[in-house]
Amino acid sequence: MLKIFLDDLFLIIKKFIYSVLVIYAFNMIIYPIGIVIPMNLFTIIMIMLCGFPCVIGFSLFCLFMM
């Protein structure tokens, strides 16, 4: 029981770190165009759940809102 809980916790922490790094790297690459995805809890959780397509969706949303 404890092993399953620790495995799930490790997976959540791993996805959280992955999401933060993806947002940071994407912002560094796309910054010259003028698109910046804010790094807040909502965007991190959405990228944890949906993955890279959510990054593309956020960047298109920021692009069209400008």
N, C-alpha and C. Protein backbone atom coordinates (compact mmCIF):
# COMPACT_ATOMS: atom_id res chain seq x y z
N MET A 1 0.82 -1.20 0.00
CA MET A 1 0.00 0.00 0.00
C MET A 1 0.86 1.26 0.00
N LEU A 2 1.87 1.27 0.85
CA LEU A 2 2.75 2.42 0.93
C LEU A 2 3.57 2.58 -0.34
N LYS A 3 3.99 1.47 -0.91
CA LYS A 3 4.77 1.52 -2.15
C LYS A 3 3.95 2.13 -3.29
N ILE A 4 2.68 1.79 -3.37
CA ILE A 4 1.81 2.35 -4.41
C ILE A 4 1.64 3.85 -4.21
N PHE A 5 1.46 4.27 -2.95
CA PHE A 5 1.34 5.69 -2.65
C PHE A 5 2.62 6.44 -3.01
N LEU A 6 3.77 5.88 -2.66
CA LEU A 6 5.04 6.54 -2.96
C LEU A 6 5.30 6.59 -4.47
N ASP A 7 4.91 5.54 -5.18
CA ASP A 7 5.06 5.55 -6.64
C ASP A 7 4.19 6.63 -7.28
N ASP A 8 2.97 6.77 -6.80
CA ASP A 8 2.08 7.81 -7.32
C ASP A 8 2.61 9.20 -6.99
N LEU A 9 3.10 9.38 -5.77
CA LEU A 9 3.67 10.66 -5.37
C LEU A 9 4.89 11.00 -6.21
N PHE A 10 5.74 10.02 -6.45
CA PHE A 10 6.92 10.24 -7.29
C PHE A 10 6.52 10.62 -8.71
N LEU A 11 5.48 9.99 -9.24
CA LEU A 11 5.01 10.30 -10.59
C LEU A 11 4.46 11.73 -10.66
N ILE A 12 3.73 12.15 -9.65
CA ILE A 12 3.19 13.51 -9.63
C ILE A 12 4.31 14.54 -9.54
N ILE A 13 5.29 14.29 -8.68
CA ILE A 13 6.43 15.22 -8.56
C ILE A 13 7.22 15.27 -9.86
N LYS A 14 7.39 14.12 -10.50
CA LYS A 14 8.12 14.06 -11.76
C LYS A 14 7.39 14.84 -12.86
N LYS A 15 6.08 14.70 -12.93
CA LYS A 15 5.29 15.44 -13.92
C LYS A 15 5.31 16.94 -13.63
N PHE A 16 5.29 17.32 -12.35
CA PHE A 16 5.35 18.73 -11.98
C PHE A 16 6.67 19.35 -12.45
N ILE A 17 7.77 18.68 -12.17
CA ILE A 17 9.09 19.19 -12.58
C ILE A 17 9.19 19.23 -14.10
N TYR A 18 8.70 18.20 -14.77
CA TYR A 18 8.70 18.17 -16.23
C TYR A 18 7.90 19.35 -16.80
N SER A 19 6.76 19.64 -16.20
CA SER A 19 5.92 20.73 -16.68
C SER A 19 6.60 22.08 -16.52
N VAL A 20 7.24 22.29 -15.38
CA VAL A 20 7.95 23.55 -15.16
C VAL A 20 9.09 23.70 -16.16
N LEU A 21 9.82 22.64 -16.39
CA LEU A 21 10.94 22.71 -17.34
C LEU A 21 10.45 22.91 -18.78
N VAL A 22 9.34 22.31 -19.14
CA VAL A 22 8.79 22.49 -20.48
C VAL A 22 8.35 23.94 -20.69
N ILE A 23 7.68 24.51 -19.70
CA ILE A 23 7.26 25.92 -19.83
C ILE A 23 8.47 26.83 -19.92
N TYR A 24 9.46 26.59 -19.08
CA TYR A 24 10.66 27.43 -19.08
C TYR A 24 11.40 27.34 -20.43
N ALA A 25 11.60 26.12 -20.91
CA ALA A 25 12.31 25.93 -22.18
C ALA A 25 11.52 26.53 -23.34
N PHE A 26 10.22 26.32 -23.34
CA PHE A 26 9.41 26.87 -24.42
C PHE A 26 9.43 28.39 -24.40
N ASN A 27 9.38 28.99 -23.20
CA ASN A 27 9.47 30.45 -23.11
C ASN A 27 10.82 30.97 -23.60
N MET A 28 11.89 30.25 -23.31
CA MET A 28 13.21 30.68 -23.77
C MET A 28 13.32 30.60 -25.30
N ILE A 29 12.71 29.60 -25.90
CA ILE A 29 12.78 29.44 -27.35
C ILE A 29 11.88 30.44 -28.06
N ILE A 30 10.69 30.67 -27.56
CA ILE A 30 9.68 31.45 -28.26
C ILE A 30 9.69 32.92 -27.85
N TYR A 31 10.54 33.31 -26.90
CA TYR A 31 10.58 34.69 -26.40
C TYR A 31 10.82 35.74 -27.49
N PRO A 32 11.69 35.50 -28.48
CA PRO A 32 11.90 36.54 -29.51
C PRO A 32 10.65 36.89 -30.31
N ILE A 33 9.70 35.99 -30.40
CA ILE A 33 8.45 36.28 -31.11
C ILE A 33 7.55 37.17 -30.27
N GLY A 34 7.72 37.15 -28.98
CA GLY A 34 6.93 37.98 -28.09
C GLY A 34 5.85 37.22 -27.36
N ILE A 35 5.89 35.91 -27.42
CA ILE A 35 4.91 35.09 -26.72
C ILE A 35 5.56 34.57 -25.44
N VAL A 36 4.88 34.78 -24.33
CA VAL A 36 5.37 34.26 -23.06
C VAL A 36 4.21 33.56 -22.36
N ILE A 37 4.41 32.31 -22.03
CA ILE A 37 3.40 31.56 -21.27
C ILE A 37 3.69 31.80 -19.79
N PRO A 38 2.72 32.31 -19.05
CA PRO A 38 2.98 32.56 -17.64
C PRO A 38 3.19 31.26 -16.87
N MET A 39 4.12 31.27 -15.95
CA MET A 39 4.40 30.07 -15.17
C MET A 39 3.67 30.19 -13.83
N ASN A 40 2.42 29.77 -13.83
CA ASN A 40 1.64 29.76 -12.60
C ASN A 40 1.08 28.37 -12.38
N LEU A 41 0.39 28.19 -11.28
CA LEU A 41 -0.08 26.86 -10.90
C LEU A 41 -1.08 26.30 -11.91
N PHE A 42 -1.94 27.16 -12.46
CA PHE A 42 -2.93 26.69 -13.43
C PHE A 42 -2.25 26.11 -14.68
N THR A 43 -1.29 26.83 -15.25
CA THR A 43 -0.63 26.34 -16.46
C THR A 43 0.19 25.10 -16.18
N ILE A 44 0.81 25.04 -15.01
CA ILE A 44 1.60 23.85 -14.67
C ILE A 44 0.70 22.63 -14.54
N ILE A 45 -0.43 22.79 -13.87
CA ILE A 45 -1.35 21.65 -13.71
C ILE A 45 -1.94 21.24 -15.05
N MET A 46 -2.28 22.20 -15.90
CA MET A 46 -2.82 21.85 -17.21
C MET A 46 -1.79 21.10 -18.06
N ILE A 47 -0.54 21.49 -17.98
CA ILE A 47 0.49 20.80 -18.74
C ILE A 47 0.78 19.44 -18.12
N MET A 48 0.63 19.32 -16.80
CA MET A 48 0.76 18.01 -16.16
C MET A 48 -0.31 17.05 -16.69
N LEU A 49 -1.51 17.55 -16.88
CA LEU A 49 -2.62 16.70 -17.30
C LEU A 49 -2.61 16.43 -18.80
N CYS A 50 -2.36 17.46 -19.61
CA CYS A 50 -2.52 17.33 -21.07
C CYS A 50 -1.21 17.16 -21.82
N GLY A 51 -0.12 17.60 -21.26
CA GLY A 51 1.17 17.43 -21.93
C GLY A 51 1.48 18.56 -22.90
N PHE A 52 2.29 18.24 -23.90
CA PHE A 52 2.79 19.26 -24.82
C PHE A 52 1.71 19.91 -25.68
N PRO A 53 0.63 19.22 -26.07
CA PRO A 53 -0.42 19.93 -26.82
C PRO A 53 -1.01 21.11 -26.06
N CYS A 54 -1.00 21.04 -24.76
CA CYS A 54 -1.49 22.16 -23.95
C CYS A 54 -0.54 23.36 -24.06
N VAL A 55 0.75 23.10 -24.18
CA VAL A 55 1.72 24.19 -24.38
C VAL A 55 1.44 24.90 -25.69
N ILE A 56 1.19 24.14 -26.73
CA ILE A 56 0.85 24.72 -28.02
C ILE A 56 -0.45 25.52 -27.93
N GLY A 57 -1.42 24.98 -27.21
CA GLY A 57 -2.69 25.68 -27.03
C GLY A 57 -2.52 26.99 -26.28
N PHE A 58 -1.72 26.99 -25.22
CA PHE A 58 -1.47 28.22 -24.48
C PHE A 58 -0.72 29.24 -25.33
N SER A 59 0.24 28.78 -26.12
CA SER A 59 0.99 29.72 -26.96
C SER A 59 0.09 30.32 -28.05
N LEU A 60 -0.79 29.52 -28.63
CA LEU A 60 -1.72 30.06 -29.62
C LEU A 60 -2.70 31.02 -28.98
N PHE A 61 -3.15 30.70 -27.77
CA PHE A 61 -4.04 31.61 -27.05
C PHE A 61 -3.35 32.94 -26.79
N CYS A 62 -2.09 32.90 -26.34
CA CYS A 62 -1.34 34.14 -26.09
C CYS A 62 -1.11 34.91 -27.40
N LEU A 63 -0.88 34.19 -28.49
CA LEU A 63 -0.63 34.83 -29.77
C LEU A 63 -1.88 35.55 -30.27
N PHE A 64 -3.04 34.92 -30.16
CA PHE A 64 -4.27 35.52 -30.65
C PHE A 64 -4.82 36.60 -29.72
N MET A 65 -4.45 36.58 -28.46
CA MET A 65 -4.91 37.60 -27.54
C MET A 65 -4.13 38.90 -27.69
N MET A 66 -3.00 38.86 -28.35
CA MET A 66 -2.19 40.07 -28.52
C MET A 66 -2.75 40.90 -29.59
